[in-house]
Protein backbone atom coordinates (compact mmCIF):
# COMPACT_ATOMS: atom_id res chain seq x y z
CA UNK A 1 -27.01 -55.41 23.81
CA UNK A 2 -29.97 -54.49 22.38
CA UNK A 3 -31.99 -56.96 24.41
CA UNK A 4 -31.68 -54.68 27.36
CA UNK A 5 -32.65 -51.25 26.39
CA UNK A 6 -35.77 -49.81 27.79
CA UNK A 7 -35.83 -52.34 30.11
CA UNK A 8 -36.75 -51.36 33.82
CA UNK A 9 -34.26 -52.62 36.36
CA UNK A 10 -33.94 -51.90 40.22
CA UNK A 11 -30.80 -52.38 41.71
CA UNK A 12 -30.11 -52.54 45.60
CA UNK A 13 -26.36 -51.87 46.60
CA UNK A 14 -25.88 -49.43 43.95
CA UNK A 15 -23.54 -47.59 46.07
CA UNK A 16 -21.44 -50.31 46.68
CA UNK A 17 -18.42 -51.61 44.66
CA UNK A 18 -19.86 -54.43 42.50
CA UNK A 19 -23.44 -53.13 42.69
CA UNK A 20 -21.82 -49.26 41.10
CA UNK A 21 -20.44 -51.20 38.57
CA UNK A 22 -23.72 -52.89 36.97
CA UNK A 23 -25.50 -50.00 37.34
CA UNK A 24 -22.88 -47.88 35.32
CA UNK A 25 -23.08 -50.84 32.97
CA UNK A 26 -26.71 -50.76 32.19
CA UNK A 27 -27.09 -47.04 32.25
CA UNK A 28 -24.76 -47.04 29.19
CA UNK A 29 -27.18 -49.55 27.46
CA UNK A 30 -30.21 -47.41 27.85
CA UNK A 31 -31.58 -49.26 30.75
CA UNK A 32 -34.08 -47.34 32.91
CA UNK A 33 -32.44 -47.85 36.10
CA UNK A 34 -33.92 -47.20 39.56
CA UNK A 35 -31.58 -47.63 42.46
CA UNK A 36 -32.65 -48.01 46.65
CA UNK A 37 -30.33 -46.66 48.64
CA UNK A 38 -30.25 -45.24 52.09
CA UNK A 39 -29.85 -41.41 53.03
CA UNK A 40 -26.77 -42.25 54.29
CA UNK A 41 -25.16 -43.81 51.91
CA UNK A 42 -21.88 -42.50 50.01
CA UNK A 43 -22.97 -42.23 46.10
CA UNK A 44 -19.20 -41.49 45.31
CA UNK A 45 -18.85 -44.40 42.76
CA UNK A 46 -22.20 -43.29 40.87
CA UNK A 47 -21.77 -39.43 41.48
CA UNK A 48 -21.12 -38.61 37.94
CA UNK A 49 -23.96 -40.55 36.65
CA UNK A 50 -26.83 -39.91 39.46
CA UNK A 51 -28.12 -37.44 36.56
CA UNK A 52 -29.02 -40.75 34.68
CA UNK A 53 -30.63 -42.70 38.02
CA UNK A 54 -33.84 -42.69 39.24
CA UNK A 55 -32.53 -42.91 42.48
CA UNK A 56 -35.29 -43.82 45.69
CA UNK A 57 -34.22 -43.41 49.16
CA UNK A 58 -35.51 -46.44 51.54
CA UNK A 59 -33.77 -49.14 53.90
CA UNK A 60 -35.15 -52.59 52.80
CA UNK A 61 -35.91 -53.20 56.09
CA UNK A 62 -38.84 -50.67 56.05
CA UNK A 63 -41.28 -52.65 54.75
CA UNK A 64 -44.23 -51.09 53.84
CA UNK A 65 -42.08 -48.25 52.54
CA UNK A 66 -40.18 -50.76 50.56
CA UNK A 67 -43.82 -52.27 49.27
CA UNK A 68 -44.93 -48.83 48.34
CA UNK A 69 -41.81 -47.95 46.37
CA UNK A 70 -42.15 -51.38 44.41
CA UNK A 71 -45.79 -51.02 43.57
CA UNK A 72 -44.96 -47.82 42.08
CA UNK A 73 -41.99 -48.97 39.87
CA UNK A 74 -42.99 -52.17 39.14
CA UNK A 75 -39.37 -53.49 37.83
CA UNK A 76 -39.19 -56.49 35.16
CA UNK A 77 -35.39 -57.07 36.61
CA UNK A 78 -34.19 -56.90 40.02
CA UNK A 79 -30.48 -57.42 40.85
CA UNK A 80 -29.89 -57.32 44.81
CA UNK A 81 -26.51 -56.30 45.66
CA UNK A 82 -27.01 -54.43 48.82
CA UNK A 83 -24.97 -56.39 51.82
CA UNK A 84 -23.56 -55.53 55.31
CA UNK A 85 -20.52 -57.63 57.16
CA UNK A 86 -18.69 -57.88 53.91
CA UNK A 87 -15.86 -56.13 55.36
CA UNK A 88 -13.94 -56.93 58.47
CA UNK A 89 -15.36 -53.66 60.54
CA UNK A 90 -18.75 -54.44 60.05
CA UNK A 91 -19.24 -56.80 63.03
CA UNK A 92 -22.79 -55.59 64.02
CA UNK A 93 -24.20 -59.27 64.05
CA UNK A 94 -28.31 -57.95 64.42
CA UNK A 95 -27.55 -55.35 61.47
CA UNK A 96 -25.65 -58.37 59.35
CA UNK A 97 -29.21 -60.22 59.66
CA UNK A 98 -31.48 -57.41 59.22
CA UNK A 99 -29.65 -56.59 55.86
CA UNK A 100 -28.38 -59.69 54.60
CA UNK A 101 -31.57 -62.03 55.22
CA UNK A 102 -34.43 -59.99 56.54
CA UNK A 103 -33.75 -57.41 53.61
CA UNK A 104 -33.60 -60.00 51.02
CA UNK A 105 -36.81 -61.08 52.72
CA UNK A 106 -38.46 -57.73 52.29
CA UNK A 107 -37.38 -57.14 49.10
CA UNK A 108 -38.52 -60.46 47.25
CA UNK A 109 -41.73 -60.30 49.21
CA UNK A 110 -42.55 -56.87 47.65
CA UNK A 111 -41.50 -58.07 44.34
CA UNK A 112 -43.49 -60.79 44.21
CA UNK A 113 -46.42 -58.72 44.39
CA UNK A 114 -45.91 -57.17 41.26
CA UNK A 115 -43.68 -59.71 39.36
CA UNK A 116 -40.98 -59.42 37.00
CA UNK A 117 -39.14 -61.51 34.28
CA UNK A 118 -36.00 -62.28 36.51
CA UNK A 119 -34.82 -61.96 40.07
CA UNK A 120 -31.05 -62.15 40.80
CA UNK A 121 -30.28 -62.51 44.26
CA UNK A 122 -25.90 -62.13 45.18
CA UNK A 123 -24.86 -64.72 47.60
CA UNK A 124 -21.43 -65.18 48.93
CA UNK A 125 -18.74 -67.83 48.95
CA UNK A 126 -18.79 -67.64 52.84
CA UNK A 127 -21.71 -69.36 52.84
CA UNK A 128 -19.91 -72.58 51.99
CA UNK A 129 -17.58 -72.64 55.56
CA UNK A 130 -14.40 -74.89 55.34
CA UNK A 131 -14.47 -77.30 52.74
CA UNK A 132 -11.48 -79.87 51.66
CA UNK A 133 -12.35 -79.57 48.20
CA UNK A 134 -13.64 -76.81 45.44
CA UNK A 135 -16.85 -75.48 47.10
CA UNK A 136 -19.97 -76.90 44.35
CA UNK A 137 -23.17 -75.42 44.42
CA UNK A 138 -24.97 -78.43 46.00
CA UNK A 139 -22.68 -78.96 49.00
CA UNK A 140 -23.86 -78.61 52.68
CA UNK A 141 -23.57 -74.78 53.86
CA UNK A 142 -21.73 -74.63 57.02
CA UNK A 143 -20.86 -71.04 57.46
CA UNK A 144 -18.50 -70.09 60.38
CA UNK A 145 -19.37 -66.52 60.45
CA UNK A 146 -22.62 -64.07 61.02
CA UNK A 147 -22.03 -63.00 57.43
CA UNK A 148 -22.12 -66.29 56.13
CA UNK A 149 -24.92 -67.45 58.02
CA UNK A 150 -27.16 -64.50 57.08
CA UNK A 151 -26.03 -64.87 53.21
CA UNK A 152 -26.92 -68.52 53.28
CA UNK A 153 -30.16 -67.94 54.98
CA UNK A 154 -31.23 -65.26 52.10
CA UNK A 155 -30.06 -67.86 49.58
CA UNK A 156 -32.41 -70.32 51.15
CA UNK A 157 -35.46 -68.00 51.30
CA UNK A 158 -34.93 -67.40 47.40
CA UNK A 159 -34.72 -71.09 46.94
CA UNK A 160 -37.73 -71.84 49.10
CA UNK A 161 -39.94 -69.32 47.42
CA UNK A 162 -38.82 -69.85 43.68
CA UNK A 163 -39.32 -73.72 44.10
CA UNK A 164 -42.97 -72.97 45.59
CA UNK A 165 -43.90 -70.73 43.27
CA UNK A 166 -42.10 -71.17 40.03
CA UNK A 167 -41.19 -67.65 39.95
CA UNK A 168 -37.89 -66.60 38.02
CA UNK A 169 -35.77 -66.15 41.07
CA UNK A 170 -31.62 -67.27 40.81
CA UNK A 171 -28.77 -66.81 43.35
CA UNK A 172 -25.41 -65.59 41.97
CA UNK A 173 -23.19 -66.96 44.68
CA UNK A 174 -19.93 -64.55 44.50
CA UNK A 175 -16.27 -65.77 46.05
CA UNK A 176 -13.83 -62.50 45.75
CA UNK A 177 -14.25 -60.24 43.04
CA UNK A 178 -12.17 -57.17 42.18
CA UNK A 179 -11.32 -54.12 39.99
CA UNK A 180 -12.65 -50.97 39.51
CA UNK A 181 -14.45 -48.71 42.26
CA UNK A 182 -13.43 -51.52 44.59
CA UNK A 183 -13.60 -49.86 48.26
CA UNK A 184 -9.56 -48.82 49.26
CA UNK A 185 -9.56 -51.24 52.04
CA UNK A 186 -9.61 -54.40 50.16
CA UNK A 187 -6.50 -56.23 49.57
CA UNK A 188 -6.58 -55.75 46.13
CA UNK A 189 -6.92 -51.89 45.65
CA UNK A 190 -5.38 -51.02 49.08
CA UNK A 191 -1.79 -52.93 47.67
CA UNK A 192 -2.35 -50.99 44.57
CA UNK A 193 -2.75 -47.56 45.94
CA UNK A 194 0.00 -47.98 48.61
CA UNK A 195 2.23 -49.40 45.38
CA UNK A 196 1.34 -46.49 43.51
CA UNK A 197 1.82 -44.14 46.53
CA UNK A 198 5.34 -45.69 47.52
CA UNK A 199 3.76 -46.34 50.92
CA UNK A 200 4.62 -49.49 53.10
CA UNK A 201 2.03 -52.07 52.64
CA UNK A 202 0.44 -53.66 56.12
CA UNK A 203 -0.81 -57.17 55.62
CA UNK A 204 -2.25 -60.50 57.36
CA UNK A 205 -1.46 -63.96 56.63
CA UNK A 206 0.58 -64.53 53.35
CA UNK A 207 -1.01 -68.32 53.17
CA UNK A 208 -4.55 -66.81 53.18
CA UNK A 209 -6.45 -68.18 49.96
CA UNK A 210 -8.81 -66.58 47.69
CA UNK A 211 -10.54 -67.36 44.32
CA UNK A 212 -10.38 -63.53 42.77
CA UNK A 213 -12.48 -63.22 39.73
CA UNK A 214 -12.17 -59.94 37.73
CA UNK A 215 -15.60 -57.61 38.12
CA UNK A 216 -15.37 -58.01 33.92
CA UNK A 217 -16.11 -61.33 34.26
CA UNK A 218 -18.69 -61.31 37.42
CA UNK A 219 -20.76 -58.66 35.15
CA UNK A 220 -20.63 -61.04 32.20
CA UNK A 221 -22.01 -64.17 34.50
CA UNK A 222 -24.87 -62.13 35.45
CA UNK A 223 -25.64 -61.04 31.44
CA UNK A 224 -25.25 -64.87 30.73
CA UNK A 225 -28.24 -65.66 33.29
CA UNK A 226 -30.40 -62.67 32.45
CA UNK A 227 -30.40 -63.83 28.73
CA UNK A 228 -30.73 -67.90 29.57
CA UNK A 229 -33.49 -67.62 32.52
CA UNK A 230 -35.84 -69.85 30.08
CA UNK A 231 -33.00 -72.73 30.20
CA UNK A 232 -32.45 -72.69 33.83
CA UNK A 233 -34.60 -74.26 36.91
CA UNK A 234 -36.27 -71.40 39.27
CA UNK A 235 -34.43 -71.24 42.19
CA UNK A 236 -30.85 -71.86 40.39
CA UNK A 237 -27.40 -71.28 42.04
CA UNK A 238 -24.52 -70.59 40.55
CA UNK A 239 -20.92 -69.96 41.63
CA UNK A 240 -19.12 -67.18 40.28
CA UNK A 241 -15.27 -67.20 40.60
CA UNK A 242 -12.05 -67.95 38.73
CA UNK A 243 -12.26 -71.62 39.47
CA UNK A 244 -8.32 -70.89 40.82
CA UNK A 245 -7.59 -70.16 44.30
CA UNK A 246 -4.11 -68.10 45.15
CA UNK A 247 -2.14 -67.43 48.29
CA UNK A 248 -2.52 -63.47 49.40
CA UNK A 249 1.39 -63.50 48.82
CA UNK A 250 1.30 -64.55 45.41
CA UNK A 251 -1.36 -61.31 44.43
CA UNK A 252 0.60 -59.02 46.38
CA UNK A 253 3.92 -60.18 45.02
CA UNK A 254 2.45 -59.99 41.62
CA UNK A 255 0.82 -56.07 42.33
CA UNK A 256 4.22 -54.84 43.11
CA UNK A 257 5.70 -56.08 40.18
CA UNK A 258 3.43 -54.99 38.00
CA UNK A 259 3.60 -51.24 39.66
CA UNK A 260 7.30 -51.48 39.69
CA UNK A 261 6.86 -50.48 43.80
CA UNK A 262 9.84 -50.30 45.98
CA UNK A 263 7.59 -50.39 49.33
CA UNK A 264 8.18 -53.01 51.79
CA UNK A 265 5.79 -55.65 52.51
CA UNK A 266 4.99 -56.05 56.52
CA UNK A 267 3.06 -58.99 56.89
CA UNK A 268 1.25 -60.52 60.05
CA UNK A 269 0.70 -56.54 61.05
CA UNK A 270 -3.06 -56.30 60.75
CA UNK A 271 -5.74 -58.98 62.26
CA UNK A 272 -6.75 -62.16 60.37
CA UNK A 273 -10.20 -62.93 59.24
CA UNK A 274 -12.39 -66.19 60.06
CA UNK A 275 -12.09 -67.17 56.82
CA UNK A 276 -8.14 -67.10 56.68
CA UNK A 277 -8.11 -70.58 58.19
CA UNK A 278 -9.37 -71.63 54.87
CA UNK A 279 -7.14 -74.18 53.18
CA UNK A 280 -9.44 -74.12 50.02
CA UNK A 281 -11.14 -71.54 48.88
CA UNK A 282 -12.01 -72.02 45.06
CA UNK A 283 -15.50 -71.88 43.05
CA UNK A 284 -16.31 -75.12 41.24
CA UNK A 285 -17.45 -73.52 38.15
CA UNK A 286 -18.55 -76.78 36.41
CA UNK A 287 -22.44 -75.92 36.77
CA UNK A 288 -22.43 -72.05 35.32
CA UNK A 289 -19.94 -73.32 32.48
CA UNK A 290 -22.10 -75.98 31.33
CA UNK A 291 -25.85 -74.27 32.25
CA UNK A 292 -24.80 -70.92 31.37
CA UNK A 293 -21.50 -71.21 28.88
CA UNK A 294 -19.76 -69.19 31.35
CA UNK A 295 -15.86 -68.97 31.73
CA UNK A 296 -13.65 -66.27 32.77
CA UNK A 297 -11.62 -64.29 30.16
CA UNK A 298 -9.37 -62.70 32.45
CA UNK A 299 -6.55 -64.46 34.25
CA UNK A 300 -5.47 -63.14 37.62
CA UNK A 301 -2.38 -60.73 35.71
CA UNK A 302 -4.59 -59.77 33.07
CA UNK A 303 -7.48 -58.78 35.39
CA UNK A 304 -4.72 -57.13 38.01
CA UNK A 305 -3.29 -55.29 34.82
CA UNK A 306 -6.45 -53.71 33.93
CA UNK A 307 -7.44 -52.77 37.38
CA UNK A 308 -4.02 -51.29 38.15
CA UNK A 309 -3.99 -48.76 35.18
CA UNK A 310 -7.86 -48.37 36.02
CA UNK A 311 -6.75 -47.01 39.62
CA UNK A 312 -3.91 -44.86 37.82
CA UNK A 313 -6.46 -42.80 35.77
CA UNK A 314 -8.95 -42.51 38.95
CA UNK A 315 -6.21 -41.86 42.02
CA UNK A 316 -8.72 -38.79 42.56
CA UNK A 317 -11.29 -41.11 43.65
CA UNK A 318 -9.75 -42.51 46.59
CA UNK A 319 -8.50 -39.07 47.80
CA UNK A 320 -8.81 -39.34 51.97
CA UNK A 321 -11.72 -42.43 53.05
CA UNK A 322 -14.89 -42.90 51.30
């Protein structure tokens, strides 16, 4: 990735799962990485590389402070991963809207003042809502929860600015990423950790479906976009998923088998989520395949194997609550 060396990149949400993976990757490629984090952020995912980062403490809703920071940094590339509301315990409606919508507005407005080579917003499959077939980028957005509404608003704002100004702004609409450094309360890491520790697994609806996509495939999708901005339309949105949905029961059973786990699987012991009612939660990845020549390199079993091995080697990071 010689083309990335020396590039000045700003990352929001660097303390989160996807953002931290990208932060670590870019640091390994000699990129000048600037991260925006809140003073209350837990930086455990990037603790070991903090000395290689330019860390700026700023909330995305501190509009004037943010504008000043961006004018100082002058990032050439912006990767916007900051979210709130992606976990069941994050239920504050106003905070969901402020972070995902107004935070995106403030960040993009500040970056527009200095200019950039690319601005990549991170969307969510929650923007789609209930569909009867694999979700396509031009489907009507019909979210069923506050998080989906706020993420859809952020995506639409980015599209509107891109169309109005012809600025290189894009959105990657993620389905269900999994892999290294994921939050321990999420399905896959929770199940892996429980199995490795021989603890019983408390689960929700076995028939709920998700389109799981491995973190290395996710990062490759963003890189494909970065190196192909000249051939795509400003404001374009791309689904990032595997193109195949799996029942939760299938994923959990696979993890149990792969870890030789003897723990008990206890279904319907935790509340269902709004999205558990969906019969179809699958990405149509035709657009990203044709426009960016991207497809997943890891089938579910392969991705889970790499994830399980990583967790075995990094159990020390998951002692106690993060």
